[in-house]
Each structure stands twice: as C-alpha cells, then as structure tokens.
Protein backbone atom coordinates (compact mmCIF):
# COMPACT_ATOMS: atom_id res chain seq x y z
CA MET A 1 51.14 -225.40 -31.32
CA ARG A 2 50.40 -229.09 -31.94
CA PRO A 3 50.26 -230.45 -35.51
CA LYS A 4 46.82 -231.19 -36.93
CA LEU A 5 45.73 -234.81 -37.48
CA PHE A 6 42.65 -235.91 -39.40
CA ILE A 7 41.47 -239.51 -38.81
CA THR A 8 39.03 -240.76 -41.44
CA ARG A 9 37.08 -243.01 -39.03
CA HIS A 10 36.71 -243.69 -35.34
CA LEU A 11 39.32 -246.20 -34.17
CA PRO A 12 38.83 -248.84 -31.42
CA GLY A 13 40.56 -248.67 -28.07
CA ARG A 14 41.92 -245.55 -26.40
CA VAL A 15 44.43 -244.50 -29.04
CA ILE A 16 42.65 -241.28 -29.96
CA GLU A 17 43.01 -239.97 -26.42
CA LYS A 18 46.69 -240.86 -26.53
CA LEU A 19 47.14 -239.09 -29.86
CA LYS A 20 45.58 -235.93 -28.45
CA GLU A 21 48.71 -235.54 -26.31
CA TYR A 22 50.68 -234.98 -29.52
CA TYR A 23 48.16 -233.73 -32.07
CA GLU A 24 45.14 -231.54 -32.53
CA VAL A 25 42.85 -234.40 -33.54
CA GLU A 26 39.75 -234.38 -35.73
CA VAL A 27 37.85 -237.63 -36.38
CA TRP A 28 35.37 -238.12 -39.23
CA PRO A 29 32.21 -238.97 -37.24
CA HIS A 30 30.23 -240.92 -39.85
CA TYR A 31 30.18 -244.65 -40.64
CA PRO A 32 30.73 -244.30 -44.43
CA PRO A 33 34.09 -242.90 -45.56
CA PRO A 34 34.53 -239.16 -46.10
CA PRO A 35 33.84 -238.18 -49.73
CA LYS A 36 36.76 -237.01 -51.86
CA SER A 37 35.61 -233.40 -51.56
CA VAL A 38 36.02 -233.62 -47.79
CA LEU A 39 39.40 -235.35 -48.06
CA ARG A 40 40.54 -232.64 -50.48
CA GLU A 41 39.51 -229.93 -48.01
CA LYS A 42 41.02 -231.62 -44.95
CA ILE A 43 44.28 -232.74 -46.54
CA ARG A 44 45.14 -229.15 -47.48
CA LYS A 45 45.04 -228.10 -43.83
CA VAL A 46 46.46 -231.00 -41.83
CA ASP A 47 49.96 -232.13 -40.94
CA ALA A 48 49.06 -235.80 -40.53
CA LEU A 49 46.43 -238.16 -41.87
CA ALA A 50 45.19 -241.55 -40.63
CA THR A 51 43.44 -243.52 -43.38
CA LEU A 52 41.58 -246.75 -44.16
CA VAL A 53 41.69 -248.88 -47.31
CA THR A 54 38.42 -247.26 -48.41
CA ASP A 55 40.09 -243.82 -48.61
CA LYS A 56 41.56 -243.19 -52.05
CA ILE A 57 44.61 -240.99 -51.50
CA ASP A 58 45.81 -240.28 -55.02
CA CYS A 59 48.39 -237.83 -56.32
CA SER A 60 45.80 -235.15 -57.00
CA LEU A 61 45.16 -235.00 -53.25
CA ILE A 62 48.77 -235.45 -52.16
CA SER A 63 50.07 -232.71 -54.47
CA ASN A 64 47.64 -230.26 -52.86
CA ALA A 65 48.65 -231.01 -49.28
CA PRO A 66 51.35 -228.42 -48.50
CA LYS A 67 51.56 -229.23 -44.77
CA LEU A 68 51.07 -233.01 -44.88
CA ARG A 69 54.05 -235.00 -43.59
CA ILE A 70 52.68 -238.47 -42.74
CA ILE A 71 49.88 -240.81 -43.82
CA ALA A 72 49.29 -243.58 -41.26
CA GLN A 73 47.31 -246.38 -42.87
CA TYR A 74 45.02 -248.48 -40.67
CA ALA A 75 45.64 -251.67 -42.69
CA VAL A 76 48.39 -253.94 -43.94
CA GLY A 77 47.69 -253.17 -47.60
CA TYR A 78 48.14 -249.64 -48.93
CA ASP A 79 47.14 -249.89 -52.59
CA ASN A 80 44.67 -247.04 -51.95
CA ILE A 81 47.62 -244.64 -51.46
CA ASP A 82 49.89 -243.36 -54.22
CA VAL A 83 53.07 -244.14 -52.31
CA GLU A 84 55.39 -243.04 -55.11
CA CYS A 85 53.74 -239.62 -55.19
CA ALA A 86 53.86 -239.37 -51.39
CA THR A 87 57.59 -240.11 -51.43
CA LYS A 88 58.16 -237.44 -54.06
CA TYR A 89 56.59 -234.87 -51.75
CA GLY A 90 58.46 -236.11 -48.68
CA ILE A 91 55.40 -237.66 -47.05
CA TYR A 92 55.90 -240.72 -44.85
CA VAL A 93 53.50 -243.66 -45.37
CA THR A 94 53.03 -246.33 -42.70
CA ASN A 95 50.87 -249.46 -42.35
CA THR A 96 49.94 -252.06 -39.72
CA PRO A 97 51.64 -255.35 -40.63
CA GLY A 98 51.88 -258.47 -38.49
CA VAL A 99 49.07 -257.92 -36.01
CA LEU A 100 46.26 -259.24 -38.18
CA THR A 101 48.09 -262.25 -39.60
CA GLU A 102 46.55 -264.89 -37.34
CA THR A 103 43.13 -263.23 -37.40
CA VAL A 104 42.92 -263.24 -41.21
CA ALA A 105 44.21 -266.82 -41.26
CA ASP A 106 41.40 -267.78 -38.86
CA HIS A 107 38.86 -266.12 -41.14
CA THR A 108 40.33 -267.87 -44.17
CA TRP A 109 39.87 -271.19 -42.46
CA ALA A 110 36.34 -270.29 -41.39
CA LEU A 111 35.57 -269.71 -45.08
CA ILE A 112 37.31 -272.94 -46.16
CA LEU A 113 35.29 -275.05 -43.74
CA ALA A 114 32.04 -273.18 -44.31
CA ILE A 115 32.11 -273.47 -48.11
CA SER A 116 33.34 -277.07 -48.14
CA ARG A 117 30.70 -278.31 -45.68
CA ARG A 118 27.90 -275.98 -46.86
CA ILE A 119 27.52 -274.42 -43.40
CA VAL A 120 25.81 -271.22 -44.56
CA GLU A 121 23.45 -273.13 -46.85
CA SER A 122 22.62 -275.54 -44.03
CA ASP A 123 21.87 -272.72 -41.61
CA GLU A 124 19.53 -271.12 -44.13
CA TYR A 125 17.90 -274.50 -44.83
CA VAL A 126 17.03 -274.86 -41.14
CA ARG A 127 15.99 -271.24 -40.52
CA LYS A 128 13.68 -271.07 -43.55
CA GLY A 129 11.85 -274.18 -42.40
CA GLU A 130 12.96 -276.28 -45.35
CA TRP A 131 14.39 -278.94 -43.07
CA TYR A 132 11.13 -279.15 -41.14
CA HIS A 133 9.01 -279.30 -44.28
CA SER A 134 11.25 -281.99 -45.77
CA GLY A 135 9.62 -284.41 -43.32
CA THR A 136 12.87 -286.15 -42.41
CA GLY A 137 15.52 -285.50 -39.80
CA TRP A 138 18.28 -287.18 -41.80
CA HIS A 139 18.84 -288.22 -45.40
CA PRO A 140 21.95 -289.59 -47.16
CA MET A 141 21.82 -286.73 -49.70
CA MET A 142 20.96 -283.85 -47.36
CA MET A 143 23.45 -280.95 -47.67
CA VAL A 144 26.32 -283.17 -48.76
CA GLY A 145 29.61 -281.29 -49.03
CA TYR A 146 33.30 -282.16 -49.30
CA ASP A 147 35.92 -283.26 -46.81
CA VAL A 148 38.78 -280.89 -46.05
CA TYR A 149 40.96 -283.36 -44.15
CA GLY A 150 43.60 -284.93 -46.35
CA LYS A 151 42.90 -282.74 -49.38
CA THR A 152 45.30 -280.51 -51.34
CA LEU A 153 45.51 -276.84 -50.41
CA GLY A 154 46.97 -274.41 -52.94
CA ILE A 155 48.24 -271.15 -51.44
CA VAL A 156 48.88 -268.27 -53.82
CA GLY A 157 51.24 -265.89 -52.02
CA LEU A 158 53.29 -267.35 -49.16
CA GLY A 159 53.66 -264.21 -47.07
CA ARG A 160 52.78 -263.89 -43.38
CA ILE A 161 49.11 -264.74 -43.82
CA GLY A 162 49.75 -267.48 -46.37
CA VAL A 163 52.19 -269.11 -43.95
CA ALA A 164 49.68 -268.89 -41.08
CA VAL A 165 47.03 -270.54 -43.28
CA ALA A 166 49.50 -273.30 -44.20
CA ARG A 167 50.37 -273.97 -40.55
CA ARG A 168 46.68 -274.57 -39.82
CA ALA A 169 46.45 -276.89 -42.84
CA LYS A 170 48.99 -279.24 -41.25
CA GLY A 171 46.39 -280.01 -38.57
CA PHE A 172 44.10 -281.22 -41.36
CA ASN A 173 46.84 -283.44 -42.80
CA MET A 174 46.66 -281.56 -46.10
CA LYS A 175 49.08 -281.63 -48.96
CA ILE A 176 50.27 -278.02 -49.33
CA LEU A 177 51.21 -276.50 -52.68
CA TYR A 178 52.24 -272.88 -53.00
CA TYR A 179 53.05 -270.33 -55.64
CA SER A 180 54.90 -267.14 -54.80
CA ARG A 181 57.18 -264.60 -56.48
CA LYS A 182 60.14 -266.18 -54.74
CA ARG A 183 60.69 -269.76 -53.68
CA LYS A 184 61.06 -270.18 -49.89
CA PRO A 185 63.07 -273.35 -49.09
CA LYS A 186 63.08 -272.84 -45.30
CA LEU A 187 59.32 -272.57 -45.20
CA GLU A 188 58.98 -275.54 -47.53
CA LYS A 189 60.83 -277.65 -44.97
CA GLU A 190 58.91 -276.26 -41.98
CA LEU A 191 55.46 -276.56 -43.57
CA GLY A 192 56.01 -279.58 -45.79
CA ALA A 193 54.94 -277.32 -48.65
CA LYS A 194 55.86 -277.78 -52.30
CA TYR A 195 56.57 -274.90 -54.67
CA VAL A 196 54.83 -275.26 -58.03
CA PRO A 197 53.96 -272.95 -60.95
CA LEU A 198 50.56 -271.26 -60.66
CA GLU A 199 49.15 -273.38 -63.48
CA THR A 200 50.09 -276.60 -61.66
CA LEU A 201 48.66 -275.33 -58.38
CA LEU A 202 45.33 -274.49 -59.98
CA LYS A 203 45.11 -277.89 -61.67
CA GLU A 204 45.94 -279.94 -58.57
CA ALA A 205 44.48 -278.06 -55.58
CA ASP A 206 41.12 -278.90 -54.03
CA ILE A 207 41.11 -275.51 -52.34
CA VAL A 208 42.84 -272.42 -53.79
CA SER A 209 43.43 -269.64 -51.26
CA LEU A 210 44.66 -266.21 -52.37
CA HIS A 211 47.06 -264.18 -50.21
CA VAL A 212 48.78 -261.70 -52.54
CA PRO A 213 48.83 -257.89 -52.39
CA LEU A 214 47.05 -255.97 -55.14
CA THR A 215 49.62 -254.76 -57.67
CA ASP A 216 49.74 -254.32 -61.43
CA GLU A 217 51.10 -257.86 -61.57
CA THR A 218 48.34 -259.44 -59.46
CA TYR A 219 45.37 -257.48 -60.83
CA HIS A 220 42.92 -260.06 -62.27
CA MET A 221 45.53 -262.80 -61.90
CA ILE A 222 42.60 -265.22 -61.57
CA GLY A 223 40.55 -264.94 -64.76
CA GLU A 224 38.83 -267.28 -67.22
CA LYS A 225 42.03 -269.08 -68.18
CA GLU A 226 42.96 -269.75 -64.55
CA LEU A 227 39.45 -270.75 -63.45
CA LYS A 228 39.18 -273.26 -66.30
CA LEU A 229 42.33 -274.96 -64.99
CA MET A 230 40.76 -275.65 -61.59
CA LYS A 231 39.00 -278.89 -60.69
CA LYS A 232 35.22 -278.93 -60.95
CA THR A 233 35.23 -279.98 -57.28
CA ALA A 234 37.59 -277.17 -56.19
CA PHE A 235 36.81 -274.08 -54.14
CA LEU A 236 38.30 -270.59 -54.52
CA ILE A 237 38.95 -268.55 -51.35
CA ASN A 238 39.89 -264.86 -51.35
CA THR A 239 40.87 -262.86 -48.27
CA ALA A 240 43.46 -260.76 -50.15
CA ARG A 241 42.05 -258.04 -52.42
CA GLY A 242 38.92 -258.24 -54.56
CA ALA A 243 40.57 -257.21 -57.82
CA VAL A 244 42.93 -260.18 -57.71
CA ILE A 245 39.96 -262.07 -59.20
CA ASN A 246 38.21 -261.05 -62.40
CA THR A 247 34.66 -261.04 -61.02
CA LYS A 248 32.98 -261.37 -64.43
CA ALA A 249 35.08 -264.45 -65.13
CA LEU A 250 34.21 -265.91 -61.71
CA ILE A 251 30.48 -265.41 -62.33
CA LYS A 252 30.83 -267.22 -65.66
CA ALA A 253 32.76 -270.02 -63.94
CA LEU A 254 30.01 -270.43 -61.35
CA LYS A 255 27.22 -270.34 -63.94
CA GLU A 256 28.94 -272.94 -66.10
CA LYS A 257 30.10 -274.98 -63.07
CA TRP A 258 33.81 -274.90 -63.81
CA ILE A 259 34.42 -274.92 -60.03
CA ALA A 260 32.43 -276.11 -56.99
CA GLY A 261 32.14 -272.70 -55.36
CA ALA A 262 33.85 -269.67 -53.85
CA ALA A 263 34.18 -267.93 -50.50
CA LEU A 264 35.04 -264.24 -50.77
CA ASP A 265 35.83 -261.73 -48.05
CA VAL A 266 37.00 -259.06 -50.49
CA HIS A 267 35.37 -257.79 -53.65
CA GLU A 268 36.13 -255.63 -56.67
CA GLN A 269 33.25 -253.38 -55.68
CA GLU A 270 32.86 -252.62 -51.98
CA PRO A 271 30.25 -252.61 -50.64
CA LEU A 272 28.53 -255.02 -53.01
CA PRO A 273 25.30 -253.54 -54.45
CA PRO A 274 22.05 -255.36 -53.57
CA ASP A 275 21.56 -256.58 -57.16
CA HIS A 276 25.03 -258.09 -57.57
CA PRO A 277 25.04 -261.38 -59.57
CA LEU A 278 27.07 -263.21 -56.89
CA TYR A 279 24.05 -263.21 -54.57
CA LYS A 280 22.29 -265.71 -56.83
CA PHE A 281 24.74 -268.54 -56.12
CA LYS A 282 24.15 -270.77 -53.09
CA ASN A 283 27.66 -272.15 -53.50
CA VAL A 284 29.20 -268.73 -52.80
CA ILE A 285 29.88 -267.31 -49.34
CA LEU A 286 30.27 -263.54 -49.08
CA THR A 287 31.63 -261.65 -46.08
CA PRO A 288 32.02 -257.85 -45.92
CA HIS A 289 35.84 -257.46 -45.83
CA THR A 290 35.95 -258.65 -42.22
CA GLY A 291 39.04 -260.85 -42.34
CA SER A 292 40.72 -258.80 -39.60
CA ALA A 293 37.52 -258.14 -37.66
CA SER A 294 38.39 -259.35 -34.19
CA TRP A 295 38.53 -256.94 -31.26
CA GLU A 296 42.10 -258.03 -30.58
CA ALA A 297 43.39 -257.42 -34.11
CA ARG A 298 41.51 -254.19 -34.75
CA THR A 299 42.69 -252.71 -31.43
CA LYS A 300 46.31 -253.70 -32.13
CA MET A 301 46.05 -252.10 -35.58
CA ALA A 302 44.91 -248.84 -33.98
CA GLU A 303 47.80 -249.01 -31.53
CA ILE A 304 50.32 -249.35 -34.39
CA VAL A 305 48.77 -246.36 -36.16
CA ALA A 306 49.23 -244.38 -32.94
CA LYS A 307 52.84 -245.59 -32.47
CA ASN A 308 53.72 -244.50 -36.00
CA LEU A 309 52.16 -241.08 -35.57
CA ILE A 310 53.71 -240.52 -32.14
CA ALA A 311 57.18 -241.63 -33.28
CA PHE A 312 56.98 -239.23 -36.21
CA ALA A 313 55.84 -236.38 -33.95
CA GLU A 314 58.91 -237.06 -31.80
CA GLY A 315 61.18 -236.79 -34.83
CA LYS A 316 61.76 -240.55 -35.05
CA ILE A 317 61.38 -242.90 -38.00
CA PRO A 318 57.97 -244.61 -37.68
CA PRO A 319 58.36 -248.32 -36.82
CA THR A 320 56.36 -249.63 -39.81
CA LEU A 321 57.43 -247.18 -42.49
CA VAL A 322 56.48 -248.36 -45.97
CA ASN A 323 58.44 -245.93 -48.18
CA LYS A 324 61.84 -246.01 -46.50
CA GLU A 325 63.39 -243.99 -49.34
CA VAL A 326 61.41 -240.96 -48.12
CA ILE A 327 64.04 -240.53 -45.37
CA ASN A 328 66.38 -239.25 -48.09
CA VAL A 329 63.80 -236.65 -49.12
CA ARG A 330 62.85 -235.36 -45.67
CA LYS A 331 63.78 -236.23 -42.10
CA PRO A 332 60.97 -237.36 -39.79
CA GLY A 333 59.14 -234.82 -37.66
CA PHE A 334 57.25 -231.58 -38.17
CA LYS A 335 60.20 -229.23 -37.69
CA GLN A 336 61.59 -229.95 -41.16
C-alpha cells in the first residue's frame, strides 16, 4: 500500500502524475489555502505533506500527526514550519533552494527600476487620461524620477539572491555596499562590493534591497530608527519577507517623507486588505508575493518538491533536506 500524500495546492508541470507512482495523492482543489481545521484533519492521516509558505505548520499540528514522516516545502523559506518540533518527532523538512534565485533577482530589479523611474505612476497617468488632459506631450517636470545608473546599492543579506542582485548592479555601474551576518571576502572581490555595518549602509545607499530570511533576529530589523537613517531620496525594496520591515514605521516614514518611496513584493499581512494604508501612497509599488512567479522557476520548484518526496519514499535522504539532524532521530523512508 502506497503512503498517503496531501498537497496543499495544485502544482505546475507534471509532477503530481509522477508522484502518483509513489504515493496516494490528494490535492487541495481551491485557490485559497486550506484552513487550519482541514490541515489538522489531513495531517493526522497522511504520511507526507507538501506545503506552501501560506500554510502554518506549527507544533500543535505536528504533534498530532502520528504517521507524518516528511514535509516538502514548495519555497526556499520555511519560517511557516516549526522545524525544531518536526525534528523532535523525526519528521524530515525540505525546501526548494537555488532554482528561484535568478527569478527573484529579476523581480527585485524590476521593482528597483519601476520605483526609481515612476513606471507604475506613469502608466496610471496615461491610462486615466491625465496625460491627455494635461494638454502637453512633454514637460520638463512630468513624472521626473531618479537615475539608477551610477548610484549606490545597499544589499542587506548577501545570500544567493543578494549576490544575483549585486551581479546585475554591476551592469549599472553601481557602488555596492552590503551587510550580512558574515563577511564574504571572495564575493567582495568578485562583485566589487564593500562590507559595512547596517547603519552605514542605510545612511549611504540610494537603494536599500532586503534579502534576509525571517528569523527572530531579522523580525522588524527595519523600523523607525533604521528608516530615519536613510536618505530622503532613497528607496526601500523588499523581496524577502514582509515582517523584516515594521509596516507601521514604514507608513510613518512615507507620510513624513523620510524616504523617497518603497517597492514591496512581500507584506506582513498577506493578502493585503483593500483598506490598507499603503494603497494611499503613489510612491509605493506593491506586488502580491510574486518574486518567483515565472513559469520556469515555479515548475522547477515543483520538480524539487517531487524529487525530495520520491527520494524519501525510496529510503534515501532528500536532496534539499533542511533539518539534517533529523537523520539521527529517524532514517529516511516509510518503513521505519
């Protein structure tokens, strides 16, 4: 009898058909995530679980999952899963690193260019007829933004995505500053990047781009104090996790014009409610957590989820295992 697998959303590509060779597969058929009551019911009965960042898999669920042996996350980040609790119960946790690096870096740069040159504002200006009603095809003060070429880019978190963003910055002849938990001399030489304290980065950068995971250490790492350090002409970009920024502090910064604007792909509350204060600012670009939303990246992510689940079913260590210490608790496979 094949082990049971519950997938919390339909995945792109043909991976589900492939997984059916190894598992008895059930897929949540709706667009919104399954409610916690459904997760609680399913997790008690299944041997394997495939999750998204919108699925909160806490210890109350994990501790009531007697058959569960693996959680395969369809994302790089896994702050929605209590990994420590999973390890305690001998449950393997995997993610999908690497494949979305370039895609998220592309999206970061789309946001950098769009916010600096007021692309979204300009599009709205044309579509709403304001350009037509202005009575002029060109004016020296029409939709004036800021250059990106030759400016200073501050990267907070020089991991895979941060590095990919920095490599693109070289094409814009930018000065690159970075702040990370550990200094990275080899990358400094390759990228022409300079390591500086966070305070220095915030003071000197024209564009601050966040690329850190969400941890206790990085929660609200950008608050009032940090925003006040930034230039009034600087932009804040976030394609990491919403809670890295204190949203209330950001709203205050925008109201009081401490910074020039922000471009955010991730948010403390997802999805953003229709009455959210951020909608009021024309100098803010908001995208719906779509940094990895290319067909290529999303399909590759699904393939890694499948590889992890199949390897585990074959009694092998999954290739992108997050909690490697779990091997000491339980060997991979469903025969244990």
